[in-house]
Amino acid sequence: MLTQWLSPSYPTGAFAWSHGLEAAIQARWVHDAASLENWLADLLQDGSGRSDAVFIALAEACGSNRELRIIDQKARAFAPSAERLRESARQGAAFTRVTRAVWNMDLPDLVLPVALGRAAHLQALPVADTAALYLQSFASNLISAAQRLMPLGQTDGQAVLAHLSPLCEAIASEAITAGEDAIYSNCFLSDIAAMQHETHQPRLFQS
């Protein structure tokens, strides 16, 4: 079930978003496989990837819809730009719409990591696996975006993902017990790229 939810074929519209990577590539902050790997590693370890994994765990542990809404509002408040918020909210709405229809879940519209955590709770899926696969899917989607924006071959792209996979597992393992007070982001250049992208023209991606 997790592999289906986090597959590129699951209709969340993830292909339309670059998480600010398009602006970073235009600025030459990311320009090859090595710089892409460093960029994504920072995002996973100290940025939105880690925060999302914590929000997955917090949503999975919620005992009521009121608690879930509070976590959803906090996740929205942590979005550093309007595009980042739209990215998470629109993908979350698409995820909940499809998941409700297919699995008949009581799943309100939520930002993506919170929606995934809640769905995992309703299906009694392991939260560590949920967070780890989410992070791998997050990195995979951004690698795919990079391949449309700069010279990056399929083999190099898969090598970057393979290098990042152990980091995804380690961050997920830490995040599921981190708690709300441990949410932070130190990826300021990524946040700046996301803000710059809001006026970026022409562009391929919505973020």
C-alpha atoms as a PDB file:
ATOM      1  CA  MET A   1       0.000   0.000   0.000  1.00  0.00           C
ATOM      2  CA  LEU A   2       2.784   2.457   0.873  1.00  0.00           C
ATOM      3  CA  THR A   3       4.600   1.773  -2.372  1.00  0.00           C
ATOM      4  CA  GLN A   4       1.382   2.501  -4.253  1.00  0.00           C
ATOM      5  CA  TRP A   5       0.686   5.743  -2.369  1.00  0.00           C
ATOM      6  CA  LEU A   6       4.250   6.960  -2.893  1.00  0.00           C
ATOM      7  CA  SER A   7       4.651   5.767  -6.461  1.00  0.00           C
ATOM      8  CA  PRO A   8       5.144   8.393  -9.209  1.00  0.00           C
ATOM      9  CA  SER A   9       1.939   7.010 -10.765  1.00  0.00           C
ATOM     10  CA  TYR A  10      -0.206   7.907  -7.731  1.00  0.00           C
ATOM     11  CA  PRO A  11      -2.128  10.994  -8.917  1.00  0.00           C
ATOM     12  CA  THR A  12      -0.954  13.681  -6.492  1.00  0.00           C
ATOM     13  CA  GLY A  13       0.508  15.886  -9.240  1.00  0.00           C
ATOM     14  CA  ALA A  14       4.012  15.692  -7.748  1.00  0.00           C
ATOM     15  CA  PHE A  15       5.539  15.973 -11.243  1.00  0.00           C
ATOM     16  CA  ALA A  16       4.377  19.608 -11.445  1.00  0.00           C
ATOM     17  CA  TRP A  17       6.431  20.829  -8.471  1.00  0.00           C
ATOM     18  CA  SER A  18      10.197  21.354  -8.039  1.00  0.00           C
ATOM     19  CA  HIS A  19      10.327  22.650  -4.425  1.00  0.00           C
ATOM     20  CA  GLY A  20      12.344  25.678  -5.567  1.00  0.00           C
ATOM     21  CA  LEU A  21      14.860  23.510  -7.426  1.00  0.00           C
ATOM     22  CA  GLU A  22      14.074  25.199 -10.737  1.00  0.00           C
ATOM     23  CA  ALA A  23      15.220  28.562  -9.356  1.00  0.00           C
ATOM     24  CA  ALA A  24      18.277  26.936  -7.750  1.00  0.00           C
ATOM     25  CA  ILE A  25      19.312  25.427 -11.076  1.00  0.00           C
ATOM     26  CA  GLN A  26      18.833  28.720 -12.897  1.00  0.00           C
ATOM     27  CA  ALA A  27      21.050  30.397 -10.270  1.00  0.00           C
ATOM     28  CA  ARG A  28      23.652  27.609 -10.791  1.00  0.00           C
ATOM     29  CA  TRP A  29      23.501  26.633  -7.131  1.00  0.00           C
ATOM     30  CA  VAL A  30      22.694  23.175  -8.500  1.00  0.00           C
ATOM     31  CA  HIS A  31      24.404  22.288 -11.770  1.00  0.00           C
ATOM     32  CA  ASP A  32      25.470  18.617 -11.769  1.00  0.00           C
ATOM     33  CA  ALA A  33      24.922  15.297  -9.983  1.00  0.00           C
ATOM     34  CA  ALA A  34      27.227  16.135  -7.065  1.00  0.00           C
ATOM     35  CA  SER A  35      25.664  19.522  -6.326  1.00  0.00           C
ATOM     36  CA  LEU A  36      22.181  18.011  -6.675  1.00  0.00           C
ATOM     37  CA  GLU A  37      23.042  15.275  -4.191  1.00  0.00           C
ATOM     38  CA  ASN A  38      24.381  17.841  -1.714  1.00  0.00           C
ATOM     39  CA  TRP A  39      21.279  20.010  -2.153  1.00  0.00           C
ATOM     40  CA  LEU A  40      18.910  17.099  -1.564  1.00  0.00           C
ATOM     41  CA  ALA A  41      20.931  15.753   1.375  1.00  0.00           C
ATOM     42  CA  ASP A  42      20.639  19.149   3.079  1.00  0.00           C
ATOM     43  CA  LEU A  43      16.891  19.251   2.393  1.00  0.00           C
ATOM     44  CA  LEU A  44      16.442  15.775   3.824  1.00  0.00           C
ATOM     45  CA  GLN A  45      18.623  16.241   6.866  1.00  0.00           C
ATOM     46  CA  ASP A  46      18.052  19.856   7.867  1.00  0.00           C
ATOM     47  CA  GLY A  47      15.111  21.109   5.817  1.00  0.00           C
ATOM     48  CA  SER A  48      11.597  20.292   4.716  1.00  0.00           C
ATOM     49  CA  GLY A  49      12.314  16.582   4.312  1.00  0.00           C
ATOM     50  CA  ARG A  50      13.092  16.126   7.986  1.00  0.00           C
ATOM     51  CA  SER A  51      10.220  18.374   9.071  1.00  0.00           C
ATOM     52  CA  ASP A  52       7.786  16.448   6.873  1.00  0.00           C
ATOM     53  CA  ALA A  53       8.929  13.167   8.427  1.00  0.00           C
ATOM     54  CA  VAL A  54       8.229  14.581  11.893  1.00  0.00           C
ATOM     55  CA  PHE A  55       4.781  15.755  10.776  1.00  0.00           C
ATOM     56  CA  ILE A  56       4.057  12.261   9.394  1.00  0.00           C
ATOM     57  CA  ALA A  57       4.826  10.788  12.808  1.00  0.00           C
ATOM     58  CA  LEU A  58       2.806  13.439  14.656  1.00  0.00           C
ATOM     59  CA  ALA A  59      -0.210  12.878  12.388  1.00  0.00           C
ATOM     60  CA  GLU A  60       0.067   9.108  12.759  1.00  0.00           C
ATOM     61  CA  ALA A  61      -0.093   9.489  16.547  1.00  0.00           C
ATOM     62  CA  CYS A  62      -3.149  11.785  16.592  1.00  0.00           C
ATOM     63  CA  GLY A  63      -6.060  10.428  18.579  1.00  0.00           C
ATOM     64  CA  SER A  64      -8.738  12.800  17.337  1.00  0.00           C
ATOM     65  CA  ASN A  65      -9.674  14.954  14.344  1.00  0.00           C
ATOM     66  CA  ARG A  66      -9.110  18.058  16.489  1.00  0.00           C
ATOM     67  CA  GLU A  67      -5.512  17.028  17.179  1.00  0.00           C
ATOM     68  CA  LEU A  68      -5.077  16.252  13.486  1.00  0.00           C
ATOM     69  CA  ARG A  69      -6.288  19.715  12.469  1.00  0.00           C
ATOM     70  CA  ILE A  70      -3.862  21.337  14.913  1.00  0.00           C
ATOM     71  CA  ILE A  71      -0.948  19.399  13.406  1.00  0.00           C
ATOM     72  CA  ASP A  72      -2.126  20.315   9.909  1.00  0.00           C
ATOM     73  CA  GLN A  73      -2.226  24.014  10.809  1.00  0.00           C
ATOM     74  CA  LYS A  74       1.278  23.823  12.283  1.00  0.00           C
ATOM     75  CA  ALA A  75       2.586  22.131   9.156  1.00  0.00           C
ATOM     76  CA  ARG A  76       1.056  24.915   7.043  1.00  0.00           C
ATOM     77  CA  ALA A  77       2.603  27.553   9.323  1.00  0.00           C
ATOM     78  CA  PHE A  78       6.065  26.054   8.790  1.00  0.00           C
ATOM     79  CA  ALA A  79       5.876  26.507   4.995  1.00  0.00           C
ATOM     80  CA  PRO A  80       8.459  29.225   4.209  1.00  0.00           C
ATOM     81  CA  SER A  81       6.753  30.542   1.063  1.00  0.00           C
ATOM     82  CA  ALA A  82       3.373  30.700  -0.654  1.00  0.00           C
ATOM     83  CA  GLU A  83       4.465  28.234  -3.339  1.00  0.00           C
ATOM     84  CA  ARG A  84       5.738  25.732  -0.802  1.00  0.00           C
ATOM     85  CA  LEU A  85       2.380  25.859   0.962  1.00  0.00           C
ATOM     86  CA  ARG A  86       0.476  25.365  -2.311  1.00  0.00           C
ATOM     87  CA  GLU A  87       2.775  22.466  -3.191  1.00  0.00           C
ATOM     88  CA  SER A  88       2.007  20.600   0.012  1.00  0.00           C
ATOM     89  CA  ALA A  89      -1.682  21.569   0.191  1.00  0.00           C
ATOM     90  CA  ARG A  90      -2.541  20.673  -3.409  1.00  0.00           C
ATOM     91  CA  GLN A  91      -0.680  17.390  -3.327  1.00  0.00           C
ATOM     92  CA  GLY A  92      -2.306  16.617   0.011  1.00  0.00           C
ATOM     93  CA  ALA A  93      -5.777  17.376  -1.348  1.00  0.00           C
ATOM     94  CA  ALA A  94      -5.145  15.138  -4.359  1.00  0.00           C
ATOM     95  CA  PHE A  95      -3.808  12.356  -2.123  1.00  0.00           C
ATOM     96  CA  THR A  96      -6.796  12.467   0.212  1.00  0.00           C
ATOM     97  CA  ARG A  97      -9.302  12.589  -2.655  1.00  0.00           C
ATOM     98  CA  VAL A  98      -7.925   9.472  -4.337  1.00  0.00           C
ATOM     99  CA  THR A  99      -7.239   7.601  -1.095  1.00  0.00           C
ATOM    100  CA  ARG A 100     -10.758   8.271   0.211  1.00  0.00           C
ATOM    101  CA  ALA A 101     -12.261   6.945  -2.999  1.00  0.00           C
ATOM    102  CA  VAL A 102     -10.125   3.811  -3.272  1.00  0.00           C
ATOM    103  CA  TRP A 103      -9.890   2.777   0.399  1.00  0.00           C
ATOM    104  CA  ASN A 104     -13.069   4.403   1.738  1.00  0.00           C
ATOM    105  CA  MET A 105     -11.158   6.217   4.495  1.00  0.00           C
ATOM    106  CA  ASP A 106     -12.341   9.033   6.735  1.00  0.00           C
ATOM    107  CA  LEU A 107      -9.562  11.319   5.540  1.00  0.00           C
ATOM    108  CA  PRO A 108     -10.083  15.113   5.421  1.00  0.00           C
ATOM    109  CA  ASP A 109      -8.095  17.394   3.135  1.00  0.00           C
ATOM    110  CA  LEU A 110      -4.690  17.955   4.743  1.00  0.00           C
ATOM    111  CA  VAL A 111      -1.192  18.925   3.647  1.00  0.00           C
ATOM    112  CA  LEU A 112       0.627  15.955   2.164  1.00  0.00           C
ATOM    113  CA  PRO A 113       2.797  14.686   5.073  1.00  0.00           C
ATOM    114  CA  VAL A 114      -0.076  15.032   7.541  1.00  0.00           C
ATOM    115  CA  ALA A 115      -2.468  13.273   5.154  1.00  0.00           C
ATOM    116  CA  LEU A 116       0.015  10.446   4.662  1.00  0.00           C
ATOM    117  CA  GLY A 117       0.577  10.056   8.398  1.00  0.00           C
ATOM    118  CA  ARG A 118      -3.160   9.916   9.029  1.00  0.00           C
ATOM    119  CA  ALA A 119      -3.707   7.385   6.234  1.00  0.00           C
ATOM    120  CA  ALA A 120      -0.909   5.230   7.656  1.00  0.00           C
ATOM    121  CA  HIS A 121      -2.596   5.369  11.072  1.00  0.00           C
ATOM    122  CA  LEU A 122      -5.962   4.334   9.631  1.00  0.00           C
ATOM    123  CA  GLN A 123      -4.363   1.372   7.858  1.00  0.00           C
ATOM    124  CA  ALA A 124      -2.067   0.434  10.792  1.00  0.00           C
ATOM    125  CA  LEU A 125       1.056   0.841   8.671  1.00  0.00           C
ATOM    126  CA  PRO A 126       4.500   1.184  10.321  1.00  0.00           C
ATOM    127  CA  VAL A 127       5.305   4.859  10.763  1.00  0.00           C
ATOM    128  CA  ALA A 128       9.061   4.388  10.265  1.00  0.00           C
ATOM    129  CA  ASP A 129       8.501   2.731   6.886  1.00  0.00           C
ATOM    130  CA  THR A 130       5.972   5.399   5.960  1.00  0.00           C
ATOM    131  CA  ALA A 131       8.406   8.223   6.721  1.00  0.00           C
ATOM    132  CA  ALA A 132      11.367   6.522   5.009  1.00  0.00           C
ATOM    133  CA  LEU A 133       9.443   5.783   1.816  1.00  0.00           C
ATOM    134  CA  TYR A 134       8.035   9.305   1.815  1.00  0.00           C
ATOM    135  CA  LEU A 135      11.541  10.762   1.967  1.00  0.00           C
ATOM    136  CA  GLN A 136      12.752   8.506  -0.821  1.00  0.00           C
ATOM    137  CA  SER A 137       9.747   9.516  -2.931  1.00  0.00           C
ATOM    138  CA  PHE A 138      10.423  13.189  -2.135  1.00  0.00           C
ATOM    139  CA  ALA A 139      14.048  12.868  -3.288  1.00  0.00           C
ATOM    140  CA  SER A 140      13.081  10.814  -6.344  1.00  0.00           C
ATOM    141  CA  ASN A 141      10.592  13.443  -7.491  1.00  0.00           C
ATOM    142  CA  LEU A 142      13.167  16.223  -7.215  1.00  0.00           C
ATOM    143  CA  ILE A 143      15.735  14.156  -9.106  1.00  0.00           C
ATOM    144  CA  SER A 144      13.162  13.685 -11.854  1.00  0.00           C
ATOM    145  CA  ALA A 145      12.576  17.459 -11.895  1.00  0.00           C
ATOM    146  CA  ALA A 146      16.324  18.082 -12.145  1.00  0.00           C
ATOM    147  CA  GLN A 147      16.546  15.760 -15.142  1.00  0.00           C
ATOM    148  CA  ARG A 148      14.079  18.010 -16.969  1.00  0.00           C
ATOM    149  CA  LEU A 149      15.996  21.165 -16.028  1.00  0.00           C
ATOM    150  CA  MET A 150      19.676  20.328 -16.543  1.00  0.00           C
ATOM    151  CA  PRO A 151      21.968  17.737 -18.140  1.00  0.00           C
ATOM    152  CA  LEU A 152      21.553  14.787 -15.779  1.00  0.00           C
ATOM    153  CA  GLY A 153      21.441  11.258 -17.147  1.00  0.00           C
ATOM    154  CA  GLN A 154      19.236   8.456 -15.877  1.00  0.00           C
ATOM    155  CA  THR A 155      22.193   6.541 -14.442  1.00  0.00           C
ATOM    156  CA  ASP A 156      23.527   9.576 -12.572  1.00  0.00           C
ATOM    157  CA  GLY A 157      20.043  10.316 -11.274  1.00  0.00           C
ATOM    158  CA  GLN A 158      19.613   6.794  -9.942  1.00  0.00           C
ATOM    159  CA  ALA A 159      23.087   6.930  -8.376  1.00  0.00           C
ATOM    160  CA  VAL A 160      22.110  10.094  -6.495  1.00  0.00           C
ATOM    161  CA  LEU A 161      18.955   8.396  -5.201  1.00  0.00           C
ATOM    162  CA  ALA A 162      20.898   5.294  -4.154  1.00  0.00           C
ATOM    163  CA  HIS A 163      23.389   7.436  -2.238  1.00  0.00           C
ATOM    164  CA  LEU A 164      20.530   9.215  -0.442  1.00  0.00           C
ATOM    165  CA  SER A 165      18.512   6.117   0.489  1.00  0.00           C
ATOM    166  CA  PRO A 166      20.434   5.307   3.720  1.00  0.00           C
ATOM    167  CA  LEU A 167      20.019   8.942   4.774  1.00  0.00           C
ATOM    168  CA  CYS A 168      16.258   8.688   4.202  1.00  0.00           C
ATOM    169  CA  GLU A 169      16.088   5.677   6.514  1.00  0.00           C
ATOM    170  CA  ALA A 170      18.227   7.326   9.195  1.00  0.00           C
ATOM    171  CA  ILE A 171      16.229  10.555   9.177  1.00  0.00           C
ATOM    172  CA  ALA A 172      12.932   8.666   9.312  1.00  0.00           C
ATOM    173  CA  SER A 173      14.138   6.608  12.265  1.00  0.00           C
ATOM    174  CA  GLU A 174      15.116   9.763  14.142  1.00  0.00           C
ATOM    175  CA  ALA A 175      12.065  11.816  13.143  1.00  0.00           C
ATOM    176  CA  ILE A 176       9.415   9.377  14.358  1.00  0.00           C
ATOM    177  CA  THR A 177      10.509   9.915  17.966  1.00  0.00           C
ATOM    178  CA  ALA A 178      11.662  13.531  17.665  1.00  0.00           C
ATOM    179  CA  GLY A 179       8.435  15.236  18.715  1.00  0.00           C
ATOM    180  CA  GLU A 180       6.977  18.626  17.937  1.00  0.00           C
ATOM    181  CA  ASP A 181       9.702  20.642  19.661  1.00  0.00           C
ATOM    182  CA  ALA A 182      12.306  19.203  17.301  1.00  0.00           C
ATOM    183  CA  ILE A 183      10.803  20.687  14.119  1.00  0.00           C
ATOM    184  CA  TYR A 184      13.182  23.142  12.452  1.00  0.00           C
ATOM    185  CA  SER A 185      14.699  24.056   9.094  1.00  0.00           C
ATOM    186  CA  ASN A 186      18.191  25.364   8.407  1.00  0.00           C
ATOM    187  CA  CYS A 187      17.990  25.206   4.600  1.00  0.00           C
ATOM    188  CA  PHE A 188      17.796  28.934   4.041  1.00  0.00           C
ATOM    189  CA  LEU A 189      19.136  28.872   0.467  1.00  0.00           C
ATOM    190  CA  SER A 190      16.419  26.393  -0.492  1.00  0.00           C
ATOM    191  CA  ASP A 191      13.805  28.660   1.106  1.00  0.00           C
ATOM    192  CA  ILE A 192      15.209  31.651  -0.803  1.00  0.00           C
ATOM    193  CA  ALA A 193      15.042  29.653  -4.050  1.00  0.00           C
ATOM    194  CA  ALA A 194      11.391  28.827  -3.339  1.00  0.00           C
ATOM    195  CA  MET A 195      10.613  32.527  -2.758  1.00  0.00           C
ATOM    196  CA  GLN A 196      12.472  33.611  -5.891  1.00  0.00           C
ATOM    197  CA  HIS A 197      10.584  31.060  -7.951  1.00  0.00           C
ATOM    198  CA  GLU A 198       7.293  32.846  -7.226  1.00  0.00           C
ATOM    199  CA  THR A 199       8.261  35.512  -9.812  1.00  0.00           C
ATOM    200  CA  HIS A 200      10.374  33.217 -11.999  1.00  0.00           C
ATOM    201  CA  GLN A 201       9.518  33.446 -15.717  1.00  0.00           C
ATOM    202  CA  PRO A 202       9.512  31.423 -17.887  1.00  0.00           C
ATOM    203  CA  ARG A 203       9.224  28.284 -15.808  1.00  0.00           C
ATOM    204  CA  LEU A 204       8.301  24.629 -16.092  1.00  0.00           C
ATOM    205  CA  PHE A 205       7.173  23.958 -12.524  1.00  0.00           C
ATOM    206  CA  GLN A 206       4.625  25.423 -10.133  1.00  0.00           C
ATOM    207  CA  SER A 207       7.211  25.719  -7.354  1.00  0.00           C
END
